[in-house]
Amino acid sequence: MATLARSFFKVALFIGLFLLSFRYVRPSHKWAAGEARAWWRASDWLGVRNPEDLYIGVWVTIELIVAALAYVAIMKLWRHYQSKKLR
C-alpha cells in the first residue's frame, strides 16, 4: 500500500509541476515579422499546415522538459535530505 501511495504522490507531483510550468513558463504571444517567417518556414519544412500548431507543440515539449527537470531536482533534494536525516 505504501508503494502505491508513493507512486500516486510522484505522479501527482509531476502533474502539478507540469501545470505550474504551463502557467508560468509562457512565451510571448505576439510574433515579430522575422519570427513569423521562421515559424512558417519550419512548419512548411516539417509538413505542418498551421505554424501555430507547431508553436504549441514546441512549447508543450519545453514545458514537459521543465517539469521533468524540476521533478528530478526535487527527488534528488529529497533523497539528500533523507540521507542526512538518517545519520
N, C-alpha and C. Protein backbone atom coordinates (compact mmCIF):
# COMPACT_ATOMS: atom_id res chain seq x y z
N MET A 1 0.81 -1.19 0.00
CA MET A 1 0.00 0.00 0.00
C MET A 1 0.86 1.26 0.00
N ALA A 2 1.97 1.20 0.72
CA ALA A 2 2.85 2.37 0.77
C ALA A 2 3.46 2.64 -0.60
N THR A 3 3.76 1.57 -1.34
CA THR A 3 4.33 1.74 -2.68
C THR A 3 3.32 2.42 -3.60
N LEU A 4 2.07 2.04 -3.49
CA LEU A 4 1.02 2.66 -4.30
C LEU A 4 0.88 4.14 -3.94
N ALA A 5 0.95 4.46 -2.67
CA ALA A 5 0.84 5.85 -2.24
C ALA A 5 2.03 6.66 -2.75
N ARG A 6 3.23 6.09 -2.69
CA ARG A 6 4.41 6.80 -3.21
C ARG A 6 4.29 7.03 -4.71
N SER A 7 3.84 6.02 -5.42
CA SER A 7 3.68 6.16 -6.86
C SER A 7 2.64 7.23 -7.19
N PHE A 8 1.53 7.22 -6.46
CA PHE A 8 0.50 8.23 -6.67
C PHE A 8 1.04 9.63 -6.37
N PHE A 9 1.80 9.76 -5.30
CA PHE A 9 2.37 11.06 -4.95
C PHE A 9 3.33 11.54 -6.04
N LYS A 10 4.15 10.64 -6.57
CA LYS A 10 5.10 11.03 -7.62
C LYS A 10 4.37 11.48 -8.88
N VAL A 11 3.32 10.77 -9.25
CA VAL A 11 2.54 11.15 -10.43
C VAL A 11 1.87 12.51 -10.19
N ALA A 12 1.29 12.68 -9.01
CA ALA A 12 0.64 13.94 -8.68
C ALA A 12 1.65 15.09 -8.66
N LEU A 13 2.85 14.83 -8.14
CA LEU A 13 3.90 15.85 -8.13
C LEU A 13 4.28 16.25 -9.54
N PHE A 14 4.46 15.28 -10.42
CA PHE A 14 4.83 15.60 -11.80
C PHE A 14 3.72 16.38 -12.51
N ILE A 15 2.48 15.96 -12.32
CA ILE A 15 1.37 16.68 -12.95
C ILE A 15 1.27 18.10 -12.41
N GLY A 16 1.46 18.26 -11.11
CA GLY A 16 1.45 19.59 -10.53
C GLY A 16 2.57 20.46 -11.06
N LEU A 17 3.75 19.89 -11.20
CA LEU A 17 4.88 20.65 -11.76
C LEU A 17 4.62 21.02 -13.22
N PHE A 18 4.01 20.11 -13.97
CA PHE A 18 3.69 20.41 -15.36
C PHE A 18 2.68 21.55 -15.44
N LEU A 19 1.68 21.52 -14.59
CA LEU A 19 0.68 22.59 -14.61
C LEU A 19 1.29 23.92 -14.19
N LEU A 20 2.20 23.89 -13.22
CA LEU A 20 2.90 25.12 -12.84
C LEU A 20 3.76 25.65 -13.97
N SER A 21 4.46 24.75 -14.66
CA SER A 21 5.29 25.21 -15.78
C SER A 21 4.41 25.72 -16.91
N PHE A 22 3.25 25.11 -17.09
CA PHE A 22 2.33 25.56 -18.13
C PHE A 22 1.82 26.97 -17.82
N ARG A 23 1.66 27.25 -16.53
CA ARG A 23 1.15 28.56 -16.14
C ARG A 23 2.23 29.63 -16.17
N TYR A 24 3.45 29.30 -15.74
CA TYR A 24 4.48 30.33 -15.54
C TYR A 24 5.57 30.37 -16.62
N VAL A 25 5.77 29.32 -17.37
CA VAL A 25 6.75 29.34 -18.46
C VAL A 25 5.98 29.62 -19.74
N ARG A 26 5.74 30.88 -19.98
CA ARG A 26 4.92 31.27 -21.12
C ARG A 26 5.74 32.11 -22.09
N PRO A 27 5.61 31.81 -23.36
CA PRO A 27 6.26 32.66 -24.37
C PRO A 27 5.39 33.88 -24.65
N SER A 28 5.97 34.82 -25.34
CA SER A 28 5.17 35.97 -25.77
C SER A 28 4.25 35.51 -26.90
N HIS A 29 3.06 36.03 -26.95
CA HIS A 29 2.08 35.57 -27.94
C HIS A 29 2.13 36.36 -29.24
N LYS A 30 2.87 37.45 -29.26
CA LYS A 30 2.95 38.25 -30.48
C LYS A 30 4.27 37.92 -31.19
N TRP A 31 4.17 37.64 -32.46
CA TRP A 31 5.34 37.31 -33.25
C TRP A 31 5.79 38.55 -34.02
N ALA A 32 7.10 38.75 -34.07
CA ALA A 32 7.66 39.76 -34.96
C ALA A 32 7.64 39.18 -36.38
N ALA A 33 7.91 40.02 -37.35
CA ALA A 33 7.87 39.56 -38.75
C ALA A 33 8.89 38.44 -38.99
N GLY A 34 10.08 38.59 -38.44
CA GLY A 34 11.11 37.57 -38.61
C GLY A 34 10.74 36.25 -37.94
N GLU A 35 10.13 36.34 -36.76
CA GLU A 35 9.69 35.12 -36.06
C GLU A 35 8.59 34.42 -36.84
N ALA A 36 7.67 35.19 -37.37
CA ALA A 36 6.58 34.60 -38.15
C ALA A 36 7.12 33.88 -39.38
N ARG A 37 8.09 34.51 -40.06
CA ARG A 37 8.69 33.85 -41.23
C ARG A 37 9.39 32.56 -40.82
N ALA A 38 10.10 32.59 -39.69
CA ALA A 38 10.82 31.39 -39.23
C ALA A 38 9.84 30.27 -38.89
N TRP A 39 8.74 30.60 -38.21
CA TRP A 39 7.75 29.57 -37.88
C TRP A 39 7.07 29.04 -39.14
N TRP A 40 6.79 29.91 -40.12
CA TRP A 40 6.20 29.44 -41.38
C TRP A 40 7.15 28.50 -42.11
N ARG A 41 8.43 28.87 -42.18
CA ARG A 41 9.41 28.01 -42.86
C ARG A 41 9.55 26.67 -42.14
N ALA A 42 9.62 26.71 -40.81
CA ALA A 42 9.75 25.46 -40.06
C ALA A 42 8.52 24.58 -40.23
N SER A 43 7.35 25.19 -40.22
CA SER A 43 6.13 24.39 -40.40
C SER A 43 6.03 23.82 -41.81
N ASP A 44 6.46 24.60 -42.81
CA ASP A 44 6.49 24.07 -44.18
C ASP A 44 7.48 22.93 -44.30
N TRP A 45 8.64 23.08 -43.67
CA TRP A 45 9.69 22.06 -43.75
C TRP A 45 9.24 20.77 -43.06
N LEU A 46 8.51 20.90 -41.95
CA LEU A 46 8.05 19.72 -41.21
C LEU A 46 6.72 19.19 -41.71
N GLY A 47 6.08 19.91 -42.61
CA GLY A 47 4.81 19.45 -43.17
C GLY A 47 3.61 19.73 -42.28
N VAL A 48 3.74 20.71 -41.41
CA VAL A 48 2.63 21.11 -40.55
C VAL A 48 1.88 22.23 -41.24
N ARG A 49 0.59 22.11 -41.34
CA ARG A 49 -0.21 23.07 -42.10
C ARG A 49 -0.25 24.45 -41.44
N ASN A 50 -0.42 24.48 -40.13
CA ASN A 50 -0.56 25.74 -39.41
C ASN A 50 0.66 25.93 -38.49
N PRO A 51 1.38 27.03 -38.61
CA PRO A 51 2.56 27.21 -37.75
C PRO A 51 2.21 27.35 -36.27
N GLU A 52 0.98 27.75 -35.94
CA GLU A 52 0.59 27.83 -34.54
C GLU A 52 0.52 26.45 -33.90
N ASP A 53 0.16 25.43 -34.69
CA ASP A 53 0.17 24.06 -34.18
C ASP A 53 1.59 23.63 -33.82
N LEU A 54 2.54 23.97 -34.67
CA LEU A 54 3.94 23.67 -34.38
C LEU A 54 4.40 24.43 -33.15
N TYR A 55 4.02 25.68 -33.05
CA TYR A 55 4.38 26.54 -31.93
C TYR A 55 3.87 25.95 -30.61
N ILE A 56 2.63 25.51 -30.59
CA ILE A 56 2.05 24.92 -29.39
C ILE A 56 2.76 23.62 -29.04
N GLY A 57 3.03 22.80 -30.04
CA GLY A 57 3.74 21.55 -29.80
C GLY A 57 5.13 21.76 -29.22
N VAL A 58 5.83 22.76 -29.75
CA VAL A 58 7.17 23.06 -29.24
C VAL A 58 7.10 23.54 -27.80
N TRP A 59 6.16 24.40 -27.47
CA TRP A 59 6.06 24.92 -26.10
C TRP A 59 5.59 23.88 -25.12
N VAL A 60 4.71 22.98 -25.51
CA VAL A 60 4.31 21.90 -24.61
C VAL A 60 5.50 20.99 -24.34
N THR A 61 6.31 20.74 -25.36
CA THR A 61 7.52 19.94 -25.16
C THR A 61 8.48 20.63 -24.20
N ILE A 62 8.67 21.93 -24.37
CA ILE A 62 9.54 22.67 -23.46
C ILE A 62 9.00 22.63 -22.04
N GLU A 63 7.70 22.76 -21.88
CA GLU A 63 7.10 22.71 -20.55
C GLU A 63 7.24 21.34 -19.92
N LEU A 64 7.14 20.28 -20.71
CA LEU A 64 7.37 18.93 -20.19
C LEU A 64 8.81 18.76 -19.73
N ILE A 65 9.76 19.30 -20.48
CA ILE A 65 11.17 19.22 -20.10
C ILE A 65 11.41 19.98 -18.80
N VAL A 66 10.83 21.17 -18.67
CA VAL A 66 10.97 21.96 -17.44
C VAL A 66 10.39 21.20 -16.26
N ALA A 67 9.21 20.60 -16.43
CA ALA A 67 8.58 19.85 -15.35
C ALA A 67 9.43 18.63 -14.97
N ALA A 68 9.99 17.94 -15.97
CA ALA A 68 10.83 16.77 -15.68
C ALA A 68 12.10 17.17 -14.95
N LEU A 69 12.72 18.27 -15.34
CA LEU A 69 13.93 18.73 -14.64
C LEU A 69 13.62 19.15 -13.21
N ALA A 70 12.51 19.82 -13.01
CA ALA A 70 12.11 20.21 -11.65
C ALA A 70 11.81 18.96 -10.81
N TYR A 71 11.17 17.97 -11.40
CA TYR A 71 10.87 16.73 -10.70
C TYR A 71 12.15 16.01 -10.29
N VAL A 72 13.10 15.91 -11.20
CA VAL A 72 14.38 15.25 -10.88
C VAL A 72 15.11 16.01 -9.78
N ALA A 73 15.11 17.32 -9.85
CA ALA A 73 15.78 18.12 -8.82
C ALA A 73 15.12 17.92 -7.45
N ILE A 74 13.80 17.91 -7.41
CA ILE A 74 13.09 17.70 -6.14
C ILE A 74 13.38 16.32 -5.59
N MET A 75 13.39 15.30 -6.43
CA MET A 75 13.66 13.95 -5.97
C MET A 75 15.09 13.82 -5.43
N LYS A 76 16.05 14.44 -6.10
CA LYS A 76 17.43 14.39 -5.61
C LYS A 76 17.58 15.13 -4.29
N LEU A 77 16.94 16.28 -4.17
CA LEU A 77 16.98 17.02 -2.91
C LEU A 77 16.31 16.22 -1.78
N TRP A 78 15.22 15.55 -2.09
CA TRP A 78 14.54 14.75 -1.08
C TRP A 78 15.42 13.59 -0.62
N ARG A 79 16.06 12.91 -1.56
CA ARG A 79 16.96 11.80 -1.19
C ARG A 79 18.14 12.31 -0.36
N HIS A 80 18.67 13.45 -0.72
CA HIS A 80 19.77 14.05 0.03
C HIS A 80 19.30 14.39 1.45
N TYR A 81 18.12 14.96 1.57
CA TYR A 81 17.57 15.30 2.87
C TYR A 81 17.36 14.04 3.72
N GLN A 82 16.82 13.00 3.10
CA GLN A 82 16.58 11.76 3.83
C GLN A 82 17.89 11.10 4.29
N SER A 83 18.92 11.15 3.44
CA SER A 83 20.20 10.55 3.84
C SER A 83 20.85 11.34 4.98
N LYS A 84 20.70 12.64 4.99
CA LYS A 84 21.22 13.46 6.10
C LYS A 84 20.42 13.22 7.37
N LYS A 85 19.14 12.98 7.23
CA LYS A 85 18.26 12.78 8.37
C LYS A 85 18.57 11.46 9.07
N LEU A 86 18.97 10.44 8.32
CA LEU A 86 19.23 9.11 8.87
C LEU A 86 20.56 9.05 9.63
N ARG A 87 21.45 9.95 9.39
CA ARG A 87 22.76 9.91 10.04
C ARG A 87 22.71 10.34 11.45
